[in-house]
Amino acid sequence: ASEVGRDNAPDLYSDVEELAQIAGLPMPRVYIIPEQAPNAFATGRD
């Protein structure tokens, strides 16, 4: 997985940012996986 930001994945990053604010969460890091299989996951200890 490669970490992305507002510059190289603006729509994805802004959607995560918006929804994290609604959920009352700190902004998580955002990654894109070079896989054609459609899937997603969250990770991290807290």
All heavy atoms as atom14 arrays in JSON, in Angstrom:
{
  "sequence": "ASEVGRDNAPDLYSDVEELAQIAGLPMPRVYIIPEQAPNAFATGRD",
  "atom14_mask": [
    [1, 1, 1, 1, 1, 0, 0, 0, 0, 0, 0, 0, 0, 0],
    [1, 1, 1, 1, 1, 1, 0, 0, 0, 0, 0, 0, 0, 0],
    [1, 1, 1, 1, 1, 1, 1, 1, 1, 0, 0, 0, 0, 0],
    [1, 1, 1, 1, 1, 1, 1, 0, 0, 0, 0, 0, 0, 0],
    [1, 1, 1, 1, 0, 0, 0, 0, 0, 0, 0, 0, 0, 0],
    [1, 1, 1, 1, 1, 1, 1, 1, 1, 1, 1, 0, 0, 0],
    [1, 1, 1, 1, 1, 1, 1, 1, 0, 0, 0, 0, 0, 0],
    [1, 1, 1, 1, 1, 1, 1, 1, 0, 0, 0, 0, 0, 0],
    [1, 1, 1, 1, 1, 0, 0, 0, 0, 0, 0, 0, 0, 0],
    [1, 1, 1, 1, 1, 1, 1, 0, 0, 0, 0, 0, 0, 0],
    [1, 1, 1, 1, 1, 1, 1, 1, 0, 0, 0, 0, 0, 0],
    [1, 1, 1, 1, 1, 1, 1, 1, 0, 0, 0, 0, 0, 0],
    [1, 1, 1, 1, 1, 1, 1, 1, 1, 1, 1, 1, 0, 0],
    [1, 1, 1, 1, 1, 1, 0, 0, 0, 0, 0, 0, 0, 0],
    [1, 1, 1, 1, 1, 1, 1, 1, 0, 0, 0, 0, 0, 0],
    [1, 1, 1, 1, 1, 1, 1, 0, 0, 0, 0, 0, 0, 0],
    [1, 1, 1, 1, 1, 1, 1, 1, 1, 0, 0, 0, 0, 0],
    [1, 1, 1, 1, 1, 1, 1, 1, 1, 0, 0, 0, 0, 0],
    [1, 1, 1, 1, 1, 1, 1, 1, 0, 0, 0, 0, 0, 0],
    [1, 1, 1, 1, 1, 0, 0, 0, 0, 0, 0, 0, 0, 0],
    [1, 1, 1, 1, 1, 1, 1, 1, 1, 0, 0, 0, 0, 0],
    [1, 1, 1, 1, 1, 1, 1, 1, 0, 0, 0, 0, 0, 0],
    [1, 1, 1, 1, 1, 0, 0, 0, 0, 0, 0, 0, 0, 0],
    [1, 1, 1, 1, 0, 0, 0, 0, 0, 0, 0, 0, 0, 0],
    [1, 1, 1, 1, 1, 1, 1, 1, 0, 0, 0, 0, 0, 0],
    [1, 1, 1, 1, 1, 1, 1, 0, 0, 0, 0, 0, 0, 0],
    [1, 1, 1, 1, 1, 1, 1, 1, 0, 0, 0, 0, 0, 0],
    [1, 1, 1, 1, 1, 1, 1, 0, 0, 0, 0, 0, 0, 0],
    [1, 1, 1, 1, 1, 1, 1, 1, 1, 1, 1, 0, 0, 0],
    [1, 1, 1, 1, 1, 1, 1, 0, 0, 0, 0, 0, 0, 0],
    [1, 1, 1, 1, 1, 1, 1, 1, 1, 1, 1, 1, 0, 0],
    [1, 1, 1, 1, 1, 1, 1, 1, 0, 0, 0, 0, 0, 0],
    [1, 1, 1, 1, 1, 1, 1, 1, 0, 0, 0, 0, 0, 0],
    [1, 1, 1, 1, 1, 1, 1, 0, 0, 0, 0, 0, 0, 0],
    [1, 1, 1, 1, 1, 1, 1, 1, 1, 0, 0, 0, 0, 0],
    [1, 1, 1, 1, 1, 1, 1, 1, 1, 0, 0, 0, 0, 0],
    [1, 1, 1, 1, 1, 0, 0, 0, 0, 0, 0, 0, 0, 0],
    [1, 1, 1, 1, 1, 1, 1, 0, 0, 0, 0, 0, 0, 0],
    [1, 1, 1, 1, 1, 1, 1, 1, 0, 0, 0, 0, 0, 0],
    [1, 1, 1, 1, 1, 0, 0, 0, 0, 0, 0, 0, 0, 0],
    [1, 1, 1, 1, 1, 1, 1, 1, 1, 1, 1, 0, 0, 0],
    [1, 1, 1, 1, 1, 0, 0, 0, 0, 0, 0, 0, 0, 0],
    [1, 1, 1, 1, 1, 1, 1, 0, 0, 0, 0, 0, 0, 0],
    [1, 1, 1, 1, 0, 0, 0, 0, 0, 0, 0, 0, 0, 0],
    [1, 1, 1, 1, 1, 1, 1, 1, 1, 1, 1, 0, 0, 0],
    [1, 1, 1, 1, 1, 1, 1, 1, 0, 0, 0, 0, 0, 0]
  ],
  "atom14_positions": [
    [[0.83, -1.2, 0.0], [0.0, 0.0, 0.0], [0.87, 1.25, 0.0], [1.93, 1.31, 0.64], [-0.91, 0.0, 1.23], [0.0, 0.0, 0.0], [0.0, 0.0, 0.0], [0.0, 0.0, 0.0], [0.0, 0.0, 0.0], [0.0, 0.0, 0.0], [0.0, 0.0, 0.0], [0.0, 0.0, 0.0], [0.0, 0.0, 0.0], [0.0, 0.0, 0.0]],
    [[0.41, 2.27, -0.71], [1.11, 3.55, -0.78], [0.25, 4.63, -0.14], [-0.94, 4.76, -0.45], [1.39, 3.93, -2.24], [2.21, 2.97, -2.87], [0.0, 0.0, 0.0], [0.0, 0.0, 0.0], [0.0, 0.0, 0.0], [0.0, 0.0, 0.0], [0.0, 0.0, 0.0], [0.0, 0.0, 0.0], [0.0, 0.0, 0.0], [0.0, 0.0, 0.0]],
    [[0.86, 5.42, 0.75], [0.12, 6.5, 1.4], [-0.12, 7.63, 0.4], [0.75, 7.96, -0.4], [0.88, 7.02, 2.61], [0.09, 8.03, 3.43], [0.72, 8.36, 4.76], [1.82, 7.85, 5.04], [0.1, 9.12, 5.52], [0.0, 0.0, 0.0], [0.0, 0.0, 0.0], [0.0, 0.0, 0.0], [0.0, 0.0, 0.0], [0.0, 0.0, 0.0]],
    [[-1.33, 8.18, 0.44], [-1.7, 9.27, -0.46], [-2.2, 10.45, 0.36], [-2.56, 10.32, 1.53], [-2.78, 8.83, -1.48], [-2.24, 7.74, -2.39], [-4.05, 8.36, -0.76], [0.0, 0.0, 0.0], [0.0, 0.0, 0.0], [0.0, 0.0, 0.0], [0.0, 0.0, 0.0], [0.0, 0.0, 0.0], [0.0, 0.0, 0.0], [0.0, 0.0, 0.0]],
    [[-2.23, 11.6, -0.3], [-2.69, 12.81, 0.36], [-3.62, 13.61, -0.53], [-4.1, 13.12, -1.57], [0.0, 0.0, 0.0], [0.0, 0.0, 0.0], [0.0, 0.0, 0.0], [0.0, 0.0, 0.0], [0.0, 0.0, 0.0], [0.0, 0.0, 0.0], [0.0, 0.0, 0.0], [0.0, 0.0, 0.0], [0.0, 0.0, 0.0], [0.0, 0.0, 0.0]],
    [[-3.84, 14.85, -0.16], [-4.77, 15.69, -0.91], [-4.26, 15.98, -2.33], [-5.03, 16.16, -3.26], [-4.98, 17.0, -0.15], [-6.21, 17.77, -0.59], [-6.31, 19.1, 0.14], [-6.27, 18.94, 1.58], [-7.33, 18.61, 2.32], [-8.49, 18.4, 1.73], [-7.21, 18.5, 3.63], [0.0, 0.0, 0.0], [0.0, 0.0, 0.0], [0.0, 0.0, 0.0]],
    [[-2.95, 15.97, -2.5], [-2.37, 16.32, -3.79], [-2.56, 15.22, -4.84], [-2.89, 15.51, -6.0], [-0.87, 16.63, -3.65], [-0.62, 17.9, -2.85], [-1.55, 18.73, -2.78], [0.49, 18.03, -2.3], [0.0, 0.0, 0.0], [0.0, 0.0, 0.0], [0.0, 0.0, 0.0], [0.0, 0.0, 0.0], [0.0, 0.0, 0.0], [0.0, 0.0, 0.0]],
    [[-2.33, 13.94, -4.42], [-2.38, 12.87, -5.43], [-3.64, 12.02, -5.39], [-3.84, 11.17, -6.25], [-1.14, 11.95, -5.3], [-0.92, 11.46, -3.87], [-1.6, 11.89, -2.95], [0.05, 10.59, -3.7], [0.0, 0.0, 0.0], [0.0, 0.0, 0.0], [0.0, 0.0, 0.0], [0.0, 0.0, 0.0], [0.0, 0.0, 0.0], [0.0, 0.0, 0.0]],
    [[-4.52, 12.24, -4.42], [-5.82, 11.55, -4.39], [-6.84, 12.48, -3.73], [-7.35, 12.18, -2.65], [-5.72, 10.23, -3.64], [0.0, 0.0, 0.0], [0.0, 0.0, 0.0], [0.0, 0.0, 0.0], [0.0, 0.0, 0.0], [0.0, 0.0, 0.0], [0.0, 0.0, 0.0], [0.0, 0.0, 0.0], [0.0, 0.0, 0.0], [0.0, 0.0, 0.0]],
    [[-7.15, 13.61, -4.37], [-7.96, 14.66, -3.72], [-9.36, 14.21, -3.32], [-9.82, 14.53, -2.21], [-8.0, 15.78, -4.76], [-7.67, 15.12, -6.06], [-6.74, 14.01, -5.72], [0.0, 0.0, 0.0], [0.0, 0.0, 0.0], [0.0, 0.0, 0.0], [0.0, 0.0, 0.0], [0.0, 0.0, 0.0], [0.0, 0.0, 0.0], [0.0, 0.0, 0.0]],
    [[-10.06, 13.5, -4.2], [-11.43, 13.09, -3.87], [-11.45, 12.09, -2.72], [-12.24, 12.23, -1.78], [-12.1, 12.48, -5.1], [-12.42, 13.51, -6.18], [-12.36, 14.72, -5.86], [-12.72, 13.11, -7.32], [0.0, 0.0, 0.0], [0.0, 0.0, 0.0], [0.0, 0.0, 0.0], [0.0, 0.0, 0.0], [0.0, 0.0, 0.0], [0.0, 0.0, 0.0]],
    [[-10.59, 11.08, -2.81], [-10.53, 10.07, -1.75], [-10.15, 10.7, -0.42], [-10.79, 10.46, 0.61], [-9.53, 8.98, -2.13], [-9.27, 7.89, -1.08], [-10.53, 7.09, -0.79], [-8.13, 6.97, -1.53], [0.0, 0.0, 0.0], [0.0, 0.0, 0.0], [0.0, 0.0, 0.0], [0.0, 0.0, 0.0], [0.0, 0.0, 0.0], [0.0, 0.0, 0.0]],
    [[-9.12, 11.53, -0.44], [-8.63, 12.14, 0.8], [-9.7, 13.04, 1.42], [-9.94, 12.99, 2.63], [-7.36, 12.93, 0.53], [-6.66, 13.4, 1.79], [-5.71, 12.6, 2.41], [-6.95, 14.65, 2.35], [-5.07, 13.02, 3.57], [-6.32, 15.08, 3.51], [-5.38, 14.26, 4.11], [-4.76, 14.67, 5.27], [0.0, 0.0, 0.0], [0.0, 0.0, 0.0]],
    [[-10.36, 13.84, 0.61], [-11.37, 14.77, 1.14], [-12.58, 14.01, 1.68], [-13.19, 14.42, 2.68], [-11.8, 15.77, 0.08], [-12.43, 15.13, -1.02], [0.0, 0.0, 0.0], [0.0, 0.0, 0.0], [0.0, 0.0, 0.0], [0.0, 0.0, 0.0], [0.0, 0.0, 0.0], [0.0, 0.0, 0.0], [0.0, 0.0, 0.0], [0.0, 0.0, 0.0]],
    [[-12.95, 12.89, 1.05], [-14.07, 12.1, 1.54], [-13.73, 11.47, 2.89], [-14.57, 11.45, 3.81], [-14.43, 10.99, 0.54], [-15.13, 11.54, -0.7], [-15.58, 12.71, -0.66], [-15.22, 10.81, -1.71], [0.0, 0.0, 0.0], [0.0, 0.0, 0.0], [0.0, 0.0, 0.0], [0.0, 0.0, 0.0], [0.0, 0.0, 0.0], [0.0, 0.0, 0.0]],
    [[-12.52, 10.94, 3.03], [-12.1, 10.37, 4.32], [-12.08, 11.46, 5.38], [-12.56, 11.27, 6.51], [-10.7, 9.71, 4.2], [-10.21, 9.27, 5.58], [-10.75, 8.52, 3.26], [0.0, 0.0, 0.0], [0.0, 0.0, 0.0], [0.0, 0.0, 0.0], [0.0, 0.0, 0.0], [0.0, 0.0, 0.0], [0.0, 0.0, 0.0], [0.0, 0.0, 0.0]],
    [[-11.57, 12.64, 5.01], [-11.49, 13.76, 5.96], [-12.88, 14.19, 6.42], [-13.13, 14.38, 7.63], [-10.76, 14.92, 5.3], [-10.51, 16.11, 6.21], [-9.71, 17.19, 5.52], [-10.02, 17.49, 4.33], [-8.78, 17.73, 6.13], [0.0, 0.0, 0.0], [0.0, 0.0, 0.0], [0.0, 0.0, 0.0], [0.0, 0.0, 0.0], [0.0, 0.0, 0.0]],
    [[-13.79, 14.33, 5.47], [-15.16, 14.76, 5.8], [-15.86, 13.75, 6.71], [-16.48, 14.11, 7.72], [-15.97, 14.92, 4.51], [-17.44, 15.25, 4.72], [-18.26, 15.13, 3.45], [-17.66, 15.03, 2.35], [-19.5, 15.13, 3.55], [0.0, 0.0, 0.0], [0.0, 0.0, 0.0], [0.0, 0.0, 0.0], [0.0, 0.0, 0.0], [0.0, 0.0, 0.0]],
    [[-15.76, 12.48, 6.35], [-16.45, 11.44, 7.13], [-15.8, 11.24, 8.5], [-16.49, 10.94, 9.49], [-16.47, 10.13, 6.34], [-17.34, 10.15, 5.08], [-17.07, 8.94, 4.21], [-18.83, 10.22, 5.45], [0.0, 0.0, 0.0], [0.0, 0.0, 0.0], [0.0, 0.0, 0.0], [0.0, 0.0, 0.0], [0.0, 0.0, 0.0], [0.0, 0.0, 0.0]],
    [[-14.49, 11.41, 8.59], [-13.81, 11.3, 9.88], [-14.28, 12.4, 10.82], [-14.48, 12.18, 12.03], [-12.3, 11.37, 9.7], [0.0, 0.0, 0.0], [0.0, 0.0, 0.0], [0.0, 0.0, 0.0], [0.0, 0.0, 0.0], [0.0, 0.0, 0.0], [0.0, 0.0, 0.0], [0.0, 0.0, 0.0], [0.0, 0.0, 0.0], [0.0, 0.0, 0.0]],
    [[-14.49, 13.61, 10.28], [-15.01, 14.71, 11.1], [-16.41, 14.41, 11.6], [-16.74, 14.66, 12.76], [-14.99, 16.01, 10.29], [-13.59, 16.55, 10.03], [-13.6, 17.77, 9.12], [-14.64, 18.17, 8.6], [-12.43, 18.39, 8.93], [0.0, 0.0, 0.0], [0.0, 0.0, 0.0], [0.0, 0.0, 0.0], [0.0, 0.0, 0.0], [0.0, 0.0, 0.0]],
    [[-17.26, 13.86, 10.72], [-18.62, 13.49, 11.11], [-18.59, 12.42, 12.21], [-19.37, 12.46, 13.16], [-19.42, 12.98, 9.9], [-19.63, 14.11, 8.89], [-20.77, 12.39, 10.34], [-20.24, 13.66, 7.57], [0.0, 0.0, 0.0], [0.0, 0.0, 0.0], [0.0, 0.0, 0.0], [0.0, 0.0, 0.0], [0.0, 0.0, 0.0], [0.0, 0.0, 0.0]],
    [[-17.65, 11.47, 12.07], [-17.55, 10.37, 13.04], [-16.88, 10.8, 14.34], [-16.88, 10.05, 15.32], [-16.76, 9.22, 12.43], [0.0, 0.0, 0.0], [0.0, 0.0, 0.0], [0.0, 0.0, 0.0], [0.0, 0.0, 0.0], [0.0, 0.0, 0.0], [0.0, 0.0, 0.0], [0.0, 0.0, 0.0], [0.0, 0.0, 0.0], [0.0, 0.0, 0.0]],
    [[-16.32, 12.02, 14.36], [-15.63, 12.5, 15.56], [-14.29, 11.82, 15.76], [-13.86, 11.61, 16.9], [0.0, 0.0, 0.0], [0.0, 0.0, 0.0], [0.0, 0.0, 0.0], [0.0, 0.0, 0.0], [0.0, 0.0, 0.0], [0.0, 0.0, 0.0], [0.0, 0.0, 0.0], [0.0, 0.0, 0.0], [0.0, 0.0, 0.0], [0.0, 0.0, 0.0]],
    [[-13.61, 11.5, 14.65], [-12.33, 10.79, 14.71], [-11.19, 11.67, 14.22], [-11.4, 12.55, 13.37], [-12.39, 9.54, 13.83], [-13.3, 8.4, 14.29], [-13.42, 7.35, 13.18], [-12.77, 7.76, 15.57], [0.0, 0.0, 0.0], [0.0, 0.0, 0.0], [0.0, 0.0, 0.0], [0.0, 0.0, 0.0], [0.0, 0.0, 0.0], [0.0, 0.0, 0.0]],
    [[-9.98, 11.44, 14.72], [-8.82, 12.09, 14.12], [-8.67, 11.62, 12.67], [-9.09, 10.52, 12.33], [-7.64, 11.59, 14.98], [-8.26, 11.0, 16.21], [-9.62, 10.54, 15.83], [0.0, 0.0, 0.0], [0.0, 0.0, 0.0], [0.0, 0.0, 0.0], [0.0, 0.0, 0.0], [0.0, 0.0, 0.0], [0.0, 0.0, 0.0], [0.0, 0.0, 0.0]],
    [[-8.06, 12.44, 11.83], [-7.87, 12.08, 10.43], [-6.93, 10.88, 10.34], [-5.77, 10.94, 10.76], [-7.28, 13.26, 9.67], [-7.0, 12.98, 8.2], [-8.51, 12.59, 7.27], [-7.83, 12.2, 5.67], [0.0, 0.0, 0.0], [0.0, 0.0, 0.0], [0.0, 0.0, 0.0], [0.0, 0.0, 0.0], [0.0, 0.0, 0.0], [0.0, 0.0, 0.0]],
    [[-7.4, 9.74, 9.79], [-6.51, 8.59, 9.62], [-5.6, 8.78, 8.41], [-5.86, 9.63, 7.54], [-7.49, 7.43, 9.37], [-8.66, 8.08, 8.73], [-8.76, 9.47, 9.33], [0.0, 0.0, 0.0], [0.0, 0.0, 0.0], [0.0, 0.0, 0.0], [0.0, 0.0, 0.0], [0.0, 0.0, 0.0], [0.0, 0.0, 0.0], [0.0, 0.0, 0.0]],
    [[-4.53, 8.01, 8.34], [-3.72, 7.98, 7.14], [-4.52, 7.26, 6.04], [-5.33, 6.39, 6.34], [-2.41, 7.25, 7.4], [-1.44, 8.02, 8.31], [-0.29, 7.14, 8.77], [-0.78, 6.14, 9.71], [-0.34, 4.88, 9.76], [0.55, 4.45, 8.89], [-0.83, 4.04, 10.65], [0.0, 0.0, 0.0], [0.0, 0.0, 0.0], [0.0, 0.0, 0.0]],
    [[-4.29, 7.64, 4.81], [-5.05, 7.09, 3.68], [-4.07, 6.38, 2.74], [-3.03, 6.94, 2.38], [-5.8, 8.2, 2.93], [-6.65, 7.6, 1.81], [-6.69, 8.99, 3.89], [0.0, 0.0, 0.0], [0.0, 0.0, 0.0], [0.0, 0.0, 0.0], [0.0, 0.0, 0.0], [0.0, 0.0, 0.0], [0.0, 0.0, 0.0], [0.0, 0.0, 0.0]],
    [[-4.43, 5.16, 2.34], [-3.56, 4.35, 1.49], [-4.34, 3.81, 0.29], [-5.55, 3.55, 0.39], [-2.99, 3.16, 2.27], [-1.93, 3.53, 3.28], [-2.29, 3.99, 4.54], [-0.57, 3.4, 2.98], [-1.32, 4.33, 5.48], [0.4, 3.73, 3.92], [0.03, 4.19, 5.16], [0.98, 4.53, 6.08], [0.0, 0.0, 0.0], [0.0, 0.0, 0.0]],
    [[-3.63, 3.65, -0.8], [-4.18, 2.96, -1.97], [-3.35, 1.7, -2.22], [-2.11, 1.75, -2.19], [-4.17, 3.85, -3.23], [-5.16, 5.02, -3.03], [-4.56, 3.05, -4.47], [-5.21, 5.98, -4.21], [0.0, 0.0, 0.0], [0.0, 0.0, 0.0], [0.0, 0.0, 0.0], [0.0, 0.0, 0.0], [0.0, 0.0, 0.0], [0.0, 0.0, 0.0]],
    [[-4.04, 0.58, -2.43], [-3.39, -0.71, -2.66], [-3.4, -1.0, -4.15], [-4.46, -0.92, -4.79], [-4.14, -1.82, -1.89], [-4.15, -1.51, -0.4], [-3.52, -3.19, -2.16], [-5.1, -2.4, 0.39], [0.0, 0.0, 0.0], [0.0, 0.0, 0.0], [0.0, 0.0, 0.0], [0.0, 0.0, 0.0], [0.0, 0.0, 0.0], [0.0, 0.0, 0.0]],
    [[-2.25, -1.37, -4.74], [-2.21, -1.66, -6.18], [-2.79, -3.02, -6.52], [-2.1, -3.92, -6.99], [-0.7, -1.59, -6.49], [-0.05, -2.01, -5.22], [-0.92, -1.47, -4.12], [0.0, 0.0, 0.0], [0.0, 0.0, 0.0], [0.0, 0.0, 0.0], [0.0, 0.0, 0.0], [0.0, 0.0, 0.0], [0.0, 0.0, 0.0], [0.0, 0.0, 0.0]],
    [[-4.07, -3.18, -6.24], [-4.81, -4.43, -6.47], [-6.05, -4.14, -7.29], [-6.75, -3.16, -7.03], [-5.22, -5.07, -5.15], [-4.15, -5.87, -4.44], [-4.17, -7.33, -4.86], [-5.0, -7.7, -5.72], [-3.37, -8.1, -4.31], [0.0, 0.0, 0.0], [0.0, 0.0, 0.0], [0.0, 0.0, 0.0], [0.0, 0.0, 0.0], [0.0, 0.0, 0.0]],
    [[-6.35, -5.01, -8.25], [-7.57, -4.84, -9.04], [-8.79, -5.44, -8.33], [-9.93, -5.11, -8.68], [-7.39, -5.46, -10.42], [-6.3, -4.79, -11.25], [-6.42, -3.27, -11.25], [-7.49, -2.72, -11.57], [-5.35, -2.59, -10.88], [0.0, 0.0, 0.0], [0.0, 0.0, 0.0], [0.0, 0.0, 0.0], [0.0, 0.0, 0.0], [0.0, 0.0, 0.0]],
    [[-8.57, -6.32, -7.37], [-9.68, -6.87, -6.59], [-10.31, -5.73, -5.78], [-9.6, -4.99, -5.11], [-9.18, -7.97, -5.67], [0.0, 0.0, 0.0], [0.0, 0.0, 0.0], [0.0, 0.0, 0.0], [0.0, 0.0, 0.0], [0.0, 0.0, 0.0], [0.0, 0.0, 0.0], [0.0, 0.0, 0.0], [0.0, 0.0, 0.0], [0.0, 0.0, 0.0]],
    [[-11.63, -5.58, -5.84], [-12.28, -4.49, -5.11], [-12.43, -4.81, -3.62], [-13.17, -5.72, -3.25], [-13.65, -4.38, -5.79], [-13.93, -5.78, -6.28], [-12.61, -6.37, -6.64], [0.0, 0.0, 0.0], [0.0, 0.0, 0.0], [0.0, 0.0, 0.0], [0.0, 0.0, 0.0], [0.0, 0.0, 0.0], [0.0, 0.0, 0.0], [0.0, 0.0, 0.0]],
    [[-11.74, -4.08, -2.78], [-11.83, -4.32, -1.34], [-11.26, -3.13, -0.6], [-10.68, -2.21, -1.2], [-11.1, -5.61, -0.94], [-11.97, -6.51, -0.07], [-12.6, -6.04, 0.88], [-12.02, -7.78, -0.39], [0.0, 0.0, 0.0], [0.0, 0.0, 0.0], [0.0, 0.0, 0.0], [0.0, 0.0, 0.0], [0.0, 0.0, 0.0], [0.0, 0.0, 0.0]],
    [[-11.41, -3.15, 0.72], [-10.92, -2.06, 1.57], [-10.81, -2.57, 2.99], [-11.47, -3.54, 3.37], [-11.86, -0.86, 1.5], [0.0, 0.0, 0.0], [0.0, 0.0, 0.0], [0.0, 0.0, 0.0], [0.0, 0.0, 0.0], [0.0, 0.0, 0.0], [0.0, 0.0, 0.0], [0.0, 0.0, 0.0], [0.0, 0.0, 0.0], [0.0, 0.0, 0.0]],
    [[-9.96, -1.92, 3.79], [-9.87, -2.28, 5.2], [-9.35, -1.09, 6.0], [-8.8, -0.13, 5.44], [-8.99, -3.51, 5.43], [-7.54, -3.35, 5.04], [-6.62, -2.75, 5.89], [-7.09, -3.82, 3.81], [-5.29, -2.61, 5.53], [-5.75, -3.69, 3.44], [-4.85, -3.08, 4.31], [0.0, 0.0, 0.0], [0.0, 0.0, 0.0], [0.0, 0.0, 0.0]],
    [[-9.53, -1.16, 7.3], [-8.96, -0.19, 8.23], [-7.98, -0.93, 9.13], [-8.15, -2.13, 9.39], [-10.05, 0.48, 9.07], [0.0, 0.0, 0.0], [0.0, 0.0, 0.0], [0.0, 0.0, 0.0], [0.0, 0.0, 0.0], [0.0, 0.0, 0.0], [0.0, 0.0, 0.0], [0.0, 0.0, 0.0], [0.0, 0.0, 0.0], [0.0, 0.0, 0.0]],
    [[-6.96, -0.24, 9.6], [-6.0, -0.86, 10.5], [-5.46, 0.2, 11.45], [-5.73, 1.39, 11.31], [-4.86, -1.54, 9.7], [-4.01, -2.26, 10.59], [-4.04, -0.51, 8.94], [0.0, 0.0, 0.0], [0.0, 0.0, 0.0], [0.0, 0.0, 0.0], [0.0, 0.0, 0.0], [0.0, 0.0, 0.0], [0.0, 0.0, 0.0], [0.0, 0.0, 0.0]],
    [[-4.68, -0.24, 12.44], [-4.14, 0.68, 13.44], [-4.59, 0.3, 14.83], [-5.68, -0.24, 15.02], [0.0, 0.0, 0.0], [0.0, 0.0, 0.0], [0.0, 0.0, 0.0], [0.0, 0.0, 0.0], [0.0, 0.0, 0.0], [0.0, 0.0, 0.0], [0.0, 0.0, 0.0], [0.0, 0.0, 0.0], [0.0, 0.0, 0.0], [0.0, 0.0, 0.0]],
    [[-3.76, 0.62, 15.82], [-4.03, 0.16, 17.19], [-5.08, 0.99, 17.92], [-5.67, 0.53, 18.9], [-2.74, 0.11, 18.0], [-2.06, 1.44, 18.22], [-0.76, 1.26, 19.01], [-0.07, 2.49, 19.3], [0.84, 3.04, 18.49], [1.13, 2.44, 17.35], [1.45, 4.17, 18.84], [0.0, 0.0, 0.0], [0.0, 0.0, 0.0], [0.0, 0.0, 0.0]],
    [[-5.33, 2.24, 17.47], [-6.34, 3.08, 18.1], [-6.69, 4.21, 17.14], [-6.03, 4.38, 16.1], [-5.86, 3.62, 19.46], [-4.58, 4.44, 19.35], [-4.52, 5.34, 18.49], [-3.64, 4.19, 20.14], [0.0, 0.0, 0.0], [0.0, 0.0, 0.0], [0.0, 0.0, 0.0], [0.0, 0.0, 0.0], [0.0, 0.0, 0.0], [0.0, 0.0, 0.0]]
  ]
}
